[in-house]
Amino acid sequence: MVHHRRGLRRLLKDDDQLARIEQDWTNAGLDQRRTAILEYAVLLTNQPGDVAESNVEQLRSVGLTDRDILDVCEVVGYYAYVNRIADGLGVDLEDWLPDD
């Protein structure tokens, strides 16, 4: 997770918000768009068979285009795949990766 944190820190440029997200993203004060994306990502990760058209419509209702939704879906799916491969093979993070 260290490398994910580092990437998010670079994108946000806000250490306080990063800390709130790490603590509890559902109460981190995120806007509707980001909240909808994260809710979709959690559902797709934990219960992929439960994703329905209404979930896609929720993303559209906060301004995501169909291309945006495809991008979100692909990124979530890719991370799920890569993490399962790494976990399945017992891959550890490289010790040269810094914490921040």
PDB file of N, CA and C in Angstrom:
ATOM      1  N   MET A   1       0.801  -1.195   0.000  1.00  0.00           N
ATOM      2  CA  MET A   1       0.000   0.000   0.000  1.00  0.00           C
ATOM      3  C   MET A   1       0.850   1.267   0.000  1.00  0.00           C
ATOM      4  N   VAL A   2       2.109   1.146   0.352  1.00  0.00           N
ATOM      5  CA  VAL A   2       2.970   2.318   0.420  1.00  0.00           C
ATOM      6  C   VAL A   2       3.051   3.004  -0.937  1.00  0.00           C
ATOM      7  N   HIS A   3       3.194   2.223  -2.004  1.00  0.00           N
ATOM      8  CA  HIS A   3       3.328   2.845  -3.322  1.00  0.00           C
ATOM      9  C   HIS A   3       2.020   3.492  -3.765  1.00  0.00           C
ATOM     10  N   HIS A   4       0.864   2.977  -3.331  1.00  0.00           N
ATOM     11  CA  HIS A   4      -0.417   3.613  -3.636  1.00  0.00           C
ATOM     12  C   HIS A   4      -0.539   4.939  -2.891  1.00  0.00           C
ATOM     13  N   ARG A   5      -0.112   4.958  -1.651  1.00  0.00           N
ATOM     14  CA  ARG A   5      -0.160   6.180  -0.839  1.00  0.00           C
ATOM     15  C   ARG A   5       0.694   7.268  -1.475  1.00  0.00           C
ATOM     16  N   ARG A   6       1.866   6.883  -1.931  1.00  0.00           N
ATOM     17  CA  ARG A   6       2.774   7.848  -2.534  1.00  0.00           C
ATOM     18  C   ARG A   6       2.139   8.472  -3.779  1.00  0.00           C
ATOM     19  N   GLY A   7       1.494   7.664  -4.598  1.00  0.00           N
ATOM     20  CA  GLY A   7       0.832   8.178  -5.792  1.00  0.00           C
ATOM     21  C   GLY A   7      -0.318   9.103  -5.454  1.00  0.00           C
ATOM     22  N   LEU A   8      -1.124   8.718  -4.470  1.00  0.00           N
ATOM     23  CA  LEU A   8      -2.250   9.551  -4.062  1.00  0.00           C
ATOM     24  C   LEU A   8      -1.761  10.873  -3.473  1.00  0.00           C
ATOM     25  N   ARG A   9      -0.687  10.809  -2.747  1.00  0.00           N
ATOM     26  CA  ARG A   9      -0.115  12.032  -2.164  1.00  0.00           C
ATOM     27  C   ARG A   9       0.315  12.999  -3.257  1.00  0.00           C
ATOM     28  N   ARG A  10       0.935  12.477  -4.311  1.00  0.00           N
ATOM     29  CA  ARG A  10       1.351  13.324  -5.437  1.00  0.00           C
ATOM     30  C   ARG A  10       0.148  13.950  -6.131  1.00  0.00           C
ATOM     31  N   LEU A  11      -0.933  13.174  -6.293  1.00  0.00           N
ATOM     32  CA  LEU A  11      -2.129  13.682  -6.968  1.00  0.00           C
ATOM     33  C   LEU A  11      -2.871  14.719  -6.139  1.00  0.00           C
ATOM     34  N   LEU A  12      -3.025  14.456  -4.860  1.00  0.00           N
ATOM     35  CA  LEU A  12      -3.805  15.341  -3.998  1.00  0.00           C
ATOM     36  C   LEU A  12      -3.079  16.635  -3.655  1.00  0.00           C
ATOM     37  N   LYS A  13      -1.785  16.519  -3.396  1.00  0.00           N
ATOM     38  CA  LYS A  13      -1.002  17.664  -2.915  1.00  0.00           C
ATOM     39  C   LYS A  13      -1.626  18.269  -1.654  1.00  0.00           C
ATOM     40  N   ASP A  14      -2.170  17.394  -0.800  1.00  0.00           N
ATOM     41  CA  ASP A  14      -2.855  17.832   0.420  1.00  0.00           C
ATOM     42  C   ASP A  14      -2.725  16.716   1.458  1.00  0.00           C
ATOM     43  N   ASP A  15      -1.721  16.829   2.317  1.00  0.00           N
ATOM     44  CA  ASP A  15      -1.455  15.781   3.302  1.00  0.00           C
ATOM     45  C   ASP A  15      -2.593  15.615   4.308  1.00  0.00           C
ATOM     46  N   ASP A  16      -3.285  16.718   4.633  1.00  0.00           N
ATOM     47  CA  ASP A  16      -4.405  16.614   5.566  1.00  0.00           C
ATOM     48  C   ASP A  16      -5.543  15.797   4.963  1.00  0.00           C
ATOM     49  N   GLN A  17      -5.849  16.056   3.702  1.00  0.00           N
ATOM     50  CA  GLN A  17      -6.903  15.278   3.058  1.00  0.00           C
ATOM     51  C   GLN A  17      -6.484  13.819   2.911  1.00  0.00           C
ATOM     52  N   LEU A  18      -5.233  13.576   2.587  1.00  0.00           N
ATOM     53  CA  LEU A  18      -4.736  12.215   2.496  1.00  0.00           C
ATOM     54  C   LEU A  18      -4.923  11.485   3.818  1.00  0.00           C
ATOM     55  N   ALA A  19      -4.616  12.146   4.918  1.00  0.00           N
ATOM     56  CA  ALA A  19      -4.788  11.532   6.241  1.00  0.00           C
ATOM     57  C   ALA A  19      -6.264  11.216   6.504  1.00  0.00           C
ATOM     58  N   ARG A  20      -7.156  12.131   6.116  1.00  0.00           N
ATOM     59  CA  ARG A  20      -8.598  11.886   6.306  1.00  0.00           C
ATOM     60  C   ARG A  20      -9.060  10.704   5.453  1.00  0.00           C
ATOM     61  N   ILE A  21      -8.570  10.611   4.235  1.00  0.00           N
ATOM     62  CA  ILE A  21      -8.933   9.500   3.353  1.00  0.00           C
ATOM     63  C   ILE A  21      -8.426   8.188   3.934  1.00  0.00           C
ATOM     64  N   GLU A  22      -7.201   8.173   4.405  1.00  0.00           N
ATOM     65  CA  GLU A  22      -6.643   6.959   5.005  1.00  0.00           C
ATOM     66  C   GLU A  22      -7.413   6.547   6.250  1.00  0.00           C
ATOM     67  N   GLN A  23      -7.837   7.526   7.027  1.00  0.00           N
ATOM     68  CA  GLN A  23      -8.593   7.252   8.255  1.00  0.00           C
ATOM     69  C   GLN A  23      -9.956   6.650   7.928  1.00  0.00           C
ATOM     70  N   ASP A  24     -10.702   7.323   7.043  1.00  0.00           N
ATOM     71  CA  ASP A  24     -12.051   6.871   6.672  1.00  0.00           C
ATOM     72  C   ASP A  24     -12.517   7.691   5.475  1.00  0.00           C
ATOM     73  N   TRP A  25     -12.340   7.167   4.275  1.00  0.00           N
ATOM     74  CA  TRP A  25     -12.655   7.940   3.078  1.00  0.00           C
ATOM     75  C   TRP A  25     -14.123   8.351   3.027  1.00  0.00           C
ATOM     76  N   THR A  26     -15.003   7.587   3.689  1.00  0.00           N
ATOM     77  CA  THR A  26     -16.433   7.922   3.635  1.00  0.00           C
ATOM     78  C   THR A  26     -16.758   9.193   4.416  1.00  0.00           C
ATOM     79  N   ASN A  27     -15.860   9.598   5.309  1.00  0.00           N
ATOM     80  CA  ASN A  27     -16.055  10.817   6.096  1.00  0.00           C
ATOM     81  C   ASN A  27     -14.916  11.813   5.889  1.00  0.00           C
ATOM     82  N   ALA A  28     -14.292  11.750   4.720  1.00  0.00           N
ATOM     83  CA  ALA A  28     -13.125  12.588   4.457  1.00  0.00           C
ATOM     84  C   ALA A  28     -13.479  13.915   3.797  1.00  0.00           C
ATOM     85  N   GLY A  29     -14.768  14.179   3.587  1.00  0.00           N
ATOM     86  CA  GLY A  29     -15.171  15.438   2.969  1.00  0.00           C
ATOM     87  C   GLY A  29     -14.959  15.484   1.471  1.00  0.00           C
ATOM     88  N   LEU A  30     -14.974  14.328   0.825  1.00  0.00           N
ATOM     89  CA  LEU A  30     -14.800  14.278  -0.623  1.00  0.00           C
ATOM     90  C   LEU A  30     -16.061  14.773  -1.320  1.00  0.00           C
ATOM     91  N   ASP A  31     -15.891  15.294  -2.528  1.00  0.00           N
ATOM     92  CA  ASP A  31     -17.050  15.762  -3.286  1.00  0.00           C
ATOM     93  C   ASP A  31     -17.873  14.566  -3.791  1.00  0.00           C
ATOM     94  N   GLN A  32     -19.057  14.850  -4.315  1.00  0.00           N
ATOM     95  CA  GLN A  32     -19.973  13.791  -4.756  1.00  0.00           C
ATOM     96  C   GLN A  32     -19.356  12.919  -5.838  1.00  0.00           C
ATOM     97  N   ARG A  33     -18.616  13.532  -6.726  1.00  0.00           N
ATOM     98  CA  ARG A  33     -18.007  12.780  -7.838  1.00  0.00           C
ATOM     99  C   ARG A  33     -17.018  11.745  -7.306  1.00  0.00           C
ATOM    100  N   ARG A  34     -16.107  12.182  -6.461  1.00  0.00           N
ATOM    101  CA  ARG A  34     -15.103  11.260  -5.915  1.00  0.00           C
ATOM    102  C   ARG A  34     -15.749  10.203  -5.025  1.00  0.00           C
ATOM    103  N   THR A  35     -16.747  10.603  -4.259  1.00  0.00           N
ATOM    104  CA  THR A  35     -17.453   9.632  -3.411  1.00  0.00           C
ATOM    105  C   THR A  35     -18.128   8.567  -4.259  1.00  0.00           C
ATOM    106  N   ALA A  36     -18.791   8.981  -5.335  1.00  0.00           N
ATOM    107  CA  ALA A  36     -19.465   8.017  -6.223  1.00  0.00           C
ATOM    108  C   ALA A  36     -18.456   7.064  -6.858  1.00  0.00           C
ATOM    109  N   ILE A  37     -17.327   7.593  -7.276  1.00  0.00           N
ATOM    110  CA  ILE A  37     -16.284   6.745  -7.874  1.00  0.00           C
ATOM    111  C   ILE A  37     -15.788   5.724  -6.859  1.00  0.00           C
ATOM    112  N   LEU A  38     -15.532   6.154  -5.643  1.00  0.00           N
ATOM    113  CA  LEU A  38     -15.026   5.231  -4.628  1.00  0.00           C
ATOM    114  C   LEU A  38     -16.078   4.203  -4.218  1.00  0.00           C
ATOM    115  N   GLU A  39     -17.330   4.621  -4.126  1.00  0.00           N
ATOM    116  CA  GLU A  39     -18.400   3.656  -3.820  1.00  0.00           C
ATOM    117  C   GLU A  39     -18.479   2.590  -4.902  1.00  0.00           C
ATOM    118  N   TYR A  40     -18.383   3.000  -6.151  1.00  0.00           N
ATOM    119  CA  TYR A  40     -18.391   2.056  -7.271  1.00  0.00           C
ATOM    120  C   TYR A  40     -17.171   1.131  -7.199  1.00  0.00           C
ATOM    121  N   ALA A  41     -16.006   1.700  -6.919  1.00  0.00           N
ATOM    122  CA  ALA A  41     -14.783   0.899  -6.842  1.00  0.00           C
ATOM    123  C   ALA A  41     -14.865  -0.148  -5.740  1.00  0.00           C
ATOM    124  N   VAL A  42     -15.416   0.226  -4.598  1.00  0.00           N
ATOM    125  CA  VAL A  42     -15.571  -0.725  -3.489  1.00  0.00           C
ATOM    126  C   VAL A  42     -16.537  -1.841  -3.887  1.00  0.00           C
ATOM    127  N   LEU A  43     -17.656  -1.473  -4.490  1.00  0.00           N
ATOM    128  CA  LEU A  43     -18.624  -2.478  -4.926  1.00  0.00           C
ATOM    129  C   LEU A  43     -18.019  -3.414  -5.964  1.00  0.00           C
ATOM    130  N   LEU A  44     -17.353  -2.852  -6.963  1.00  0.00           N
ATOM    131  CA  LEU A  44     -16.745  -3.668  -8.011  1.00  0.00           C
ATOM    132  C   LEU A  44     -15.657  -4.584  -7.459  1.00  0.00           C
ATOM    133  N   THR A  45     -14.942  -4.117  -6.460  1.00  0.00           N
ATOM    134  CA  THR A  45     -13.878  -4.922  -5.854  1.00  0.00           C
ATOM    135  C   THR A  45     -14.438  -6.036  -4.980  1.00  0.00           C
ATOM    136  N   ASN A  46     -15.397  -5.698  -4.134  1.00  0.00           N
ATOM    137  CA  ASN A  46     -15.882  -6.650  -3.131  1.00  0.00           C
ATOM    138  C   ASN A  46     -17.059  -7.501  -3.578  1.00  0.00           C
ATOM    139  N   GLN A  47     -17.888  -6.961  -4.456  1.00  0.00           N
ATOM    140  CA  GLN A  47     -19.084  -7.677  -4.890  1.00  0.00           C
ATOM    141  C   GLN A  47     -19.329  -7.428  -6.381  1.00  0.00           C
ATOM    142  N   PRO A  48     -18.418  -7.867  -7.233  1.00  0.00           N
ATOM    143  CA  PRO A  48     -18.528  -7.540  -8.654  1.00  0.00           C
ATOM    144  C   PRO A  48     -19.838  -8.020  -9.292  1.00  0.00           C
ATOM    145  N   GLY A  49     -20.389  -9.103  -8.813  1.00  0.00           N
ATOM    146  CA  GLY A  49     -21.641  -9.616  -9.354  1.00  0.00           C
ATOM    147  C   GLY A  49     -22.850  -8.763  -9.019  1.00  0.00           C
ATOM    148  N   ASP A  50     -22.691  -7.841  -8.076  1.00  0.00           N
ATOM    149  CA  ASP A  50     -23.794  -6.974  -7.672  1.00  0.00           C
ATOM    150  C   ASP A  50     -23.828  -5.647  -8.421  1.00  0.00           C
ATOM    151  N   VAL A  51     -22.824  -5.381  -9.249  1.00  0.00           N
ATOM    152  CA  VAL A  51     -22.818  -4.139 -10.016  1.00  0.00           C
ATOM    153  C   VAL A  51     -23.973  -4.179 -11.015  1.00  0.00           C
ATOM    154  N   ALA A  52     -24.748  -3.092 -11.019  1.00  0.00           N
ATOM    155  CA  ALA A  52     -25.936  -3.008 -11.877  1.00  0.00           C
ATOM    156  C   ALA A  52     -25.921  -1.696 -12.657  1.00  0.00           C
ATOM    157  N   GLU A  53     -26.813  -1.598 -13.613  1.00  0.00           N
ATOM    158  CA  GLU A  53     -26.933  -0.375 -14.407  1.00  0.00           C
ATOM    159  C   GLU A  53     -27.144   0.846 -13.517  1.00  0.00           C
ATOM    160  N   SER A  54     -27.844   0.669 -12.411  1.00  0.00           N
ATOM    161  CA  SER A  54     -28.069   1.804 -11.501  1.00  0.00           C
ATOM    162  C   SER A  54     -26.757   2.351 -10.949  1.00  0.00           C
ATOM    163  N   ASN A  55     -25.763   1.501 -10.768  1.00  0.00           N
ATOM    164  CA  ASN A  55     -24.457   1.966 -10.292  1.00  0.00           C
ATOM    165  C   ASN A  55     -23.770   2.805 -11.371  1.00  0.00           C
ATOM    166  N   VAL A  56     -23.900   2.388 -12.610  1.00  0.00           N
ATOM    167  CA  VAL A  56     -23.339   3.148 -13.725  1.00  0.00           C
ATOM    168  C   VAL A  56     -24.089   4.474 -13.856  1.00  0.00           C
ATOM    169  N   GLU A  57     -25.400   4.436 -13.703  1.00  0.00           N
ATOM    170  CA  GLU A  57     -26.197   5.664 -13.774  1.00  0.00           C
ATOM    171  C   GLU A  57     -25.806   6.642 -12.666  1.00  0.00           C
ATOM    172  N   GLN A  58     -25.477   6.131 -11.499  1.00  0.00           N
ATOM    173  CA  GLN A  58     -25.021   6.996 -10.402  1.00  0.00           C
ATOM    174  C   GLN A  58     -23.753   7.736 -10.806  1.00  0.00           C
ATOM    175  N   LEU A  59     -22.856   7.050 -11.482  1.00  0.00           N
ATOM    176  CA  LEU A  59     -21.627   7.700 -11.942  1.00  0.00           C
ATOM    177  C   LEU A  59     -21.941   8.765 -12.989  1.00  0.00           C
ATOM    178  N   ARG A  60     -22.852   8.458 -13.885  1.00  0.00           N
ATOM    179  CA  ARG A  60     -23.252   9.459 -14.886  1.00  0.00           C
ATOM    180  C   ARG A  60     -23.890  10.675 -14.217  1.00  0.00           C
ATOM    181  N   SER A  61     -24.649  10.437 -13.150  1.00  0.00           N
ATOM    182  CA  SER A  61     -25.365  11.540 -12.500  1.00  0.00           C
ATOM    183  C   SER A  61     -24.427  12.538 -11.825  1.00  0.00           C
ATOM    184  N   VAL A  62     -23.186  12.133 -11.565  1.00  0.00           N
ATOM    185  CA  VAL A  62     -22.215  13.055 -10.971  1.00  0.00           C
ATOM    186  C   VAL A  62     -21.231  13.580 -12.013  1.00  0.00           C
ATOM    187  N   GLY A  63     -21.562  13.351 -13.291  1.00  0.00           N
ATOM    188  CA  GLY A  63     -20.794  13.965 -14.362  1.00  0.00           C
ATOM    189  C   GLY A  63     -19.790  13.107 -15.086  1.00  0.00           C
ATOM    190  N   LEU A  64     -19.710  11.826 -14.763  1.00  0.00           N
ATOM    191  CA  LEU A  64     -18.769  10.981 -15.479  1.00  0.00           C
ATOM    192  C   LEU A  64     -19.340  10.623 -16.853  1.00  0.00           C
ATOM    193  N   THR A  65     -18.481  10.641 -17.841  1.00  0.00           N
ATOM    194  CA  THR A  65     -18.864  10.201 -19.171  1.00  0.00           C
ATOM    195  C   THR A  65     -18.728   8.680 -19.235  1.00  0.00           C
ATOM    196  N   ASP A  66     -19.237   8.097 -20.298  1.00  0.00           N
ATOM    197  CA  ASP A  66     -19.074   6.653 -20.454  1.00  0.00           C
ATOM    198  C   ASP A  66     -17.596   6.285 -20.530  1.00  0.00           C
ATOM    199  N   ARG A  67     -16.782   7.119 -21.143  1.00  0.00           N
ATOM    200  CA  ARG A  67     -15.339   6.869 -21.199  1.00  0.00           C
ATOM    201  C   ARG A  67     -14.725   6.923 -19.796  1.00  0.00           C
ATOM    202  N   ASP A  68     -15.162   7.901 -18.992  1.00  0.00           N
ATOM    203  CA  ASP A  68     -14.678   7.990 -17.606  1.00  0.00           C
ATOM    204  C   ASP A  68     -15.017   6.717 -16.838  1.00  0.00           C
ATOM    205  N   ILE A  69     -16.251   6.252 -17.020  1.00  0.00           N
ATOM    206  CA  ILE A  69     -16.713   5.052 -16.306  1.00  0.00           C
ATOM    207  C   ILE A  69     -15.905   3.843 -16.746  1.00  0.00           C
ATOM    208  N   LEU A  70     -15.643   3.739 -18.038  1.00  0.00           N
ATOM    209  CA  LEU A  70     -14.794   2.654 -18.540  1.00  0.00           C
ATOM    210  C   LEU A  70     -13.410   2.730 -17.903  1.00  0.00           C
ATOM    211  N   ASP A  71     -12.845   3.927 -17.837  1.00  0.00           N
ATOM    212  CA  ASP A  71     -11.516   4.091 -17.233  1.00  0.00           C
ATOM    213  C   ASP A  71     -11.517   3.647 -15.775  1.00  0.00           C
ATOM    214  N   VAL A  72     -12.530   4.071 -15.014  1.00  0.00           N
ATOM    215  CA  VAL A  72     -12.632   3.674 -13.606  1.00  0.00           C
ATOM    216  C   VAL A  72     -12.723   2.154 -13.497  1.00  0.00           C
ATOM    217  N   CYS A  73     -13.596   1.564 -14.297  1.00  0.00           N
ATOM    218  CA  CYS A  73     -13.792   0.112 -14.267  1.00  0.00           C
ATOM    219  C   CYS A  73     -12.492  -0.625 -14.611  1.00  0.00           C
ATOM    220  N   GLU A  74     -11.793  -0.144 -15.630  1.00  0.00           N
ATOM    221  CA  GLU A  74     -10.544  -0.794 -16.029  1.00  0.00           C
ATOM    222  C   GLU A  74      -9.471  -0.669 -14.950  1.00  0.00           C
ATOM    223  N   VAL A  75      -9.363   0.483 -14.327  1.00  0.00           N
ATOM    224  CA  VAL A  75      -8.353   0.671 -13.283  1.00  0.00           C
ATOM    225  C   VAL A  75      -8.656  -0.215 -12.080  1.00  0.00           C
ATOM    226  N   VAL A  76      -9.921  -0.245 -11.658  1.00  0.00           N
ATOM    227  CA  VAL A  76     -10.308  -1.086 -10.520  1.00  0.00           C
ATOM    228  C   VAL A  76     -10.038  -2.558 -10.847  1.00  0.00           C
ATOM    229  N   GLY A  77     -10.432  -2.982 -12.041  1.00  0.00           N
ATOM    230  CA  GLY A  77     -10.200  -4.365 -12.449  1.00  0.00           C
ATOM    231  C   GLY A  77      -8.722  -4.701 -12.541  1.00  0.00           C
ATOM    232  N   TYR A  78      -7.945  -3.784 -13.068  1.00  0.00           N
ATOM    233  CA  TYR A  78      -6.508  -4.005 -13.194  1.00  0.00           C
ATOM    234  C   TYR A  78      -5.848  -4.157 -11.832  1.00  0.00           C
ATOM    235  N   TYR A  79      -6.183  -3.256 -10.901  1.00  0.00           N
ATOM    236  CA  TYR A  79      -5.596  -3.348  -9.556  1.00  0.00           C
ATOM    237  C   TYR A  79      -6.002  -4.645  -8.870  1.00  0.00           C
ATOM    238  N   ALA A  80      -7.251  -5.049  -9.045  1.00  0.00           N
ATOM    239  CA  ALA A  80      -7.686  -6.323  -8.457  1.00  0.00           C
ATOM    240  C   ALA A  80      -6.853  -7.468  -9.020  1.00  0.00           C
ATOM    241  N   TYR A  81      -6.662  -7.467 -10.321  1.00  0.00           N
ATOM    242  CA  TYR A  81      -5.876  -8.513 -10.977  1.00  0.00           C
ATOM    243  C   TYR A  81      -4.428  -8.526 -10.483  1.00  0.00           C
ATOM    244  N   VAL A  82      -3.790  -7.378 -10.545  1.00  0.00           N
ATOM    245  CA  VAL A  82      -2.375  -7.297 -10.168  1.00  0.00           C
ATOM    246  C   VAL A  82      -2.172  -7.660  -8.709  1.00  0.00           C
ATOM    247  N   ASN A  83      -3.041  -7.174  -7.837  1.00  0.00           N
ATOM    248  CA  ASN A  83      -2.895  -7.492  -6.417  1.00  0.00           C
ATOM    249  C   ASN A  83      -3.109  -8.966  -6.144  1.00  0.00           C
ATOM    250  N   ARG A  84      -4.046  -9.589  -6.834  1.00  0.00           N
ATOM    251  CA  ARG A  84      -4.258 -11.025  -6.644  1.00  0.00           C
ATOM    252  C   ARG A  84      -3.079 -11.844  -7.158  1.00  0.00           C
ATOM    253  N   ILE A  85      -2.498 -11.426  -8.270  1.00  0.00           N
ATOM    254  CA  ILE A  85      -1.307 -12.108  -8.776  1.00  0.00           C
ATOM    255  C   ILE A  85      -0.165 -11.956  -7.769  1.00  0.00           C
ATOM    256  N   ALA A  86       0.063 -10.734  -7.293  1.00  0.00           N
ATOM    257  CA  ALA A  86       1.147 -10.505  -6.328  1.00  0.00           C
ATOM    258  C   ALA A  86       0.898 -11.285  -5.040  1.00  0.00           C
ATOM    259  N   ASP A  87      -0.330 -11.245  -4.541  1.00  0.00           N
ATOM    260  CA  ASP A  87      -0.646 -11.989  -3.323  1.00  0.00           C
ATOM    261  C   ASP A  87      -0.515 -13.487  -3.543  1.00  0.00           C
ATOM    262  N   GLY A  88      -0.982 -13.946  -4.687  1.00  0.00           N
ATOM    263  CA  GLY A  88      -0.931 -15.374  -4.992  1.00  0.00           C
ATOM    264  C   GLY A  88       0.471 -15.916  -5.131  1.00  0.00           C
ATOM    265  N   LEU A  89       1.391 -15.062  -5.498  1.00  0.00           N
ATOM    266  CA  LEU A  89       2.787 -15.475  -5.645  1.00  0.00           C
ATOM    267  C   LEU A  89       3.639 -15.095  -4.442  1.00  0.00           C
ATOM    268  N   GLY A  90       3.018 -14.440  -3.450  1.00  0.00           N
ATOM    269  CA  GLY A  90       3.762 -14.043  -2.256  1.00  0.00           C
ATOM    270  C   GLY A  90       4.765 -12.941  -2.510  1.00  0.00           C
ATOM    271  N   VAL A  91       4.481 -12.079  -3.469  1.00  0.00           N
ATOM    272  CA  VAL A  91       5.400 -10.997  -3.812  1.00  0.00           C
ATOM    273  C   VAL A  91       5.391  -9.939  -2.709  1.00  0.00           C
ATOM    274  N   ASP A  92       6.582  -9.546  -2.278  1.00  0.00           N
ATOM    275  CA  ASP A  92       6.728  -8.467  -1.302  1.00  0.00           C
ATOM    276  C   ASP A  92       7.114  -7.193  -2.023  1.00  0.00           C
ATOM    277  N   LEU A  93       6.803  -6.052  -1.397  1.00  0.00           N
ATOM    278  CA  LEU A  93       7.240  -4.773  -1.948  1.00  0.00           C
ATOM    279  C   LEU A  93       8.756  -4.709  -1.934  1.00  0.00           C
ATOM    280  N   GLU A  94       9.284  -4.000  -2.899  1.00  0.00           N
ATOM    281  CA  GLU A  94      10.721  -3.786  -2.932  1.00  0.00           C
ATOM    282  C   GLU A  94      11.133  -2.955  -1.725  1.00  0.00           C
ATOM    283  N   ASP A  95      12.221  -3.292  -1.089  1.00  0.00           N
ATOM    284  CA  ASP A  95      12.632  -2.558   0.103  1.00  0.00           C
ATOM    285  C   ASP A  95      13.240  -1.195  -0.224  1.00  0.00           C
ATOM    286  N   TRP A  96      13.438  -0.907  -1.500  1.00  0.00           N
ATOM    287  CA  TRP A  96      13.984   0.399  -1.877  1.00  0.00           C
ATOM    288  C   TRP A  96      12.903   1.461  -2.033  1.00  0.00           C
ATOM    289  N   LEU A  97      11.623   1.081  -1.958  1.00  0.00           N
ATOM    290  CA  LEU A  97      10.547   2.064  -2.094  1.00  0.00           C
ATOM    291  C   LEU A  97      10.435   2.903  -0.819  1.00  0.00           C
ATOM    292  N   PRO A  98      10.528   4.228  -0.957  1.00  0.00           N
ATOM    293  CA  PRO A  98      10.390   5.081   0.229  1.00  0.00           C
ATOM    294  C   PRO A  98       8.944   5.150   0.681  1.00  0.00           C
ATOM    295  N   ASP A  99       8.695   5.561   1.930  1.00  0.00           N
ATOM    296  CA  ASP A  99       7.353   5.668   2.491  1.00  0.00           C
ATOM    297  C   ASP A  99       6.550   6.813   1.915  1.00  0.00           C
ATOM    298  N   ASP A 100       7.178   7.858   1.433  1.00  0.00           N
ATOM    299  CA  ASP A 100       6.415   9.012   0.936  1.00  0.00           C
ATOM    300  C   ASP A 100       6.653   9.347  -0.478  1.00  0.00           C
TER     301      ASP A 100
END
